[in-house]
Structures are given as structure tokens and as C-alpha cells.
Protein backbone atom coordinates (compact mmCIF):
# COMPACT_ATOMS: atom_id res chain seq x y z
CA GLN A 1 0.00 0.00 0.00
CA VAL A 2 1.49 3.30 -1.12
CA GLN A 3 0.97 6.10 1.37
CA LEU A 4 1.86 9.77 1.14
CA VAL A 5 2.06 12.05 4.16
CA GLU A 6 2.54 15.79 3.78
CA SER A 7 3.94 18.09 6.42
CA GLY A 8 5.29 21.59 6.83
CA GLY A 9 2.30 23.76 6.07
CA GLY A 10 1.43 26.75 8.20
CA LEU A 11 0.94 30.48 8.36
CA VAL A 12 3.42 32.79 6.68
CA GLN A 13 3.46 36.49 5.88
CA PRO A 14 3.40 37.73 2.28
CA GLY A 15 6.89 37.65 0.86
CA GLY A 16 7.92 34.88 3.21
CA SER A 17 9.05 31.34 2.59
CA LEU A 18 7.78 27.93 3.51
CA SER A 19 8.76 24.38 2.65
CA VAL A 20 6.39 21.45 2.55
CA ALA A 21 7.44 17.82 2.41
CA CYS A 22 5.81 14.58 1.31
CA VAL A 23 7.10 11.29 2.67
CA VAL A 24 6.19 8.23 0.65
CA SER A 25 5.98 4.72 2.07
CA GLY A 26 5.19 1.40 0.40
CA SER A 27 7.07 2.12 -2.81
CA THR A 28 10.05 3.96 -4.29
CA ILE A 29 9.42 7.52 -5.36
CA ARG A 30 11.84 7.50 -8.26
CA TRP A 31 9.44 5.14 -10.04
CA TYR A 32 6.80 7.86 -9.97
CA THR A 33 6.19 11.30 -11.33
CA MET A 34 5.72 13.28 -8.13
CA SER A 35 3.41 16.26 -8.17
CA TRP A 36 2.23 19.03 -5.90
CA TYR A 37 -1.32 20.26 -6.37
CA ARG A 38 -3.24 22.89 -4.49
CA ARG A 39 -6.85 23.74 -3.94
CA ALA A 40 -7.86 27.15 -2.72
CA SER A 41 -11.21 27.63 -1.05
CA GLY A 42 -13.98 27.57 -3.63
CA GLN A 43 -11.64 26.83 -6.51
CA GLU A 44 -10.65 23.85 -8.63
CA ARG A 45 -7.59 21.79 -7.84
CA GLU A 46 -4.52 23.14 -9.63
CA LEU A 47 -1.32 21.38 -10.62
CA VAL A 48 1.52 23.45 -9.19
CA ALA A 49 4.73 21.52 -9.83
CA GLN A 50 5.99 18.15 -11.03
CA ILE A 51 9.24 16.24 -10.99
CA PHE A 52 9.35 13.38 -13.43
CA SER A 53 10.26 9.79 -12.71
CA TYR A 54 13.88 8.69 -13.18
CA SER A 55 14.91 12.27 -13.81
CA THR A 56 15.31 15.72 -12.36
CA ILE A 57 13.13 17.31 -15.01
CA THR A 58 10.62 19.64 -13.46
CA LYS A 59 7.54 21.52 -14.58
CA TYR A 60 5.70 24.43 -12.97
CA VAL A 61 2.49 26.32 -13.42
CA GLU A 62 3.25 29.80 -14.73
CA SER A 63 2.14 31.60 -11.57
CA VAL A 64 4.83 29.95 -9.40
CA LYS A 65 7.77 29.89 -11.81
CA GLY A 66 10.83 31.45 -10.25
CA ARG A 67 9.29 31.29 -6.76
CA PHE A 68 8.66 27.58 -6.09
CA THR A 69 11.09 24.69 -6.40
CA ILE A 70 10.18 21.01 -6.38
CA SER A 71 12.86 18.51 -5.47
CA ARG A 72 13.16 14.87 -4.56
CA ASP A 73 15.39 12.99 -2.13
CA ASP A 74 15.33 9.39 -3.25
CA ALA A 75 17.28 8.19 -0.22
CA LYS A 76 14.59 9.61 2.07
CA ASN A 77 11.74 8.74 -0.30
CA THR A 78 10.61 12.34 0.13
CA VAL A 79 9.59 15.11 -2.24
CA TYR A 80 9.73 18.77 -1.26
CA LEU A 81 8.19 22.01 -2.41
CA GLN A 82 10.17 25.09 -1.44
CA MET A 83 7.97 28.17 -1.70
CA ASN A 84 9.51 31.64 -1.72
CA SER A 85 8.06 35.11 -2.18
CA LEU A 86 4.69 33.81 -1.11
CA ARG A 87 1.56 35.74 -2.03
CA HIS A 88 -1.96 35.84 -0.65
CA GLU A 89 -3.12 33.89 -3.71
CA ASP A 90 -0.84 30.98 -2.79
CA THR A 91 -3.12 30.24 0.16
CA ALA A 92 -4.50 26.74 -0.34
CA VAL A 93 -4.39 23.16 0.79
CA TYR A 94 -1.36 21.59 -0.85
CA TYR A 95 -1.51 17.94 -1.87
CA CYS A 96 1.23 15.57 -2.90
CA ALA A 97 0.54 12.94 -5.59
CA ALA A 98 2.45 10.01 -7.05
CA SER A 99 1.62 8.68 -10.50
CA ARG A 100 2.95 6.28 -13.09
CA PRO A 101 1.39 4.42 -16.03
CA GLY A 102 -0.65 1.41 -15.01
CA ASP A 103 -1.05 2.48 -11.39
CA PRO A 104 -3.72 4.57 -9.72
CA THR A 105 -2.63 8.02 -8.62
CA TYR A 106 -1.81 8.08 -4.93
CA TRP A 107 -2.65 11.17 -2.86
CA GLY A 108 -1.66 12.57 0.45
CA GLN A 109 -4.11 14.07 2.91
CA GLY A 110 -3.02 17.66 2.25
CA THR A 111 -1.40 20.40 4.27
CA GLN A 112 -2.75 23.93 4.71
CA VAL A 113 -0.63 26.87 3.61
CA THR A 114 -1.95 30.28 4.59
CA VAL A 115 -0.31 33.49 3.43
CA SER A 116 -1.53 36.39 5.52
CA SER A 117 -0.28 39.42 7.38
């Protein structure tokens, strides 16, 4: 059973930084494309960042380019999202997901990130 557990969310002021982590158990993360999604209140879920399986190739939604960085530590089976220069509109529940062809997508439970002064 693949399980994903996010941590590191919280309250941060505009312009601040926060890092969230996703620890994966039950499988090896380098087999998966790892993604961070977010869902703001009343809005659709949005794909924020991805890091592709067996590589360090990354992809970001336009609104976070240059501010967010996704990375993966295969030894710790953990994926991170470093968020800098945070804005009010980054407030959301952030979810980690693991996907690969032939498997269902696995999701974490989410962690709240609130950007507010």
C-alpha cells in the first residue's frame, strides 16, 4: 500500500518562505512522477509543480515559476516544495501525488498553507 504524508504547512506572511514535504511509504518515489497540487477555497484543484520519474526534469504552473522549487530525495523517499516570495493567492491546501502508467494516482491528505499578514 502506497501512502503519502505531507507536512510543513502553516501560516506565513506575504513575501515569506515555507517548505512542505511529502514522505512516501510502500514504494520507491523515483518510479513515480511526483506532483504538488493545491486547492484554494472555492476553486478547482490546480497542478503546481511536477518532478518526473527517473529524472530531475521539473515543470511548474506559470504563476509559481521562479518562486517555487520542487525537489526529490530518493534516499529519504521524500519530495519537497520550497515556496519563496509567497503571495496571498498561494493560500490553499497543498496535496502531494504520485503517478505512473498502469497504477492509480496516490494522494496525500493535504497540508494547509496560509499566506496572511
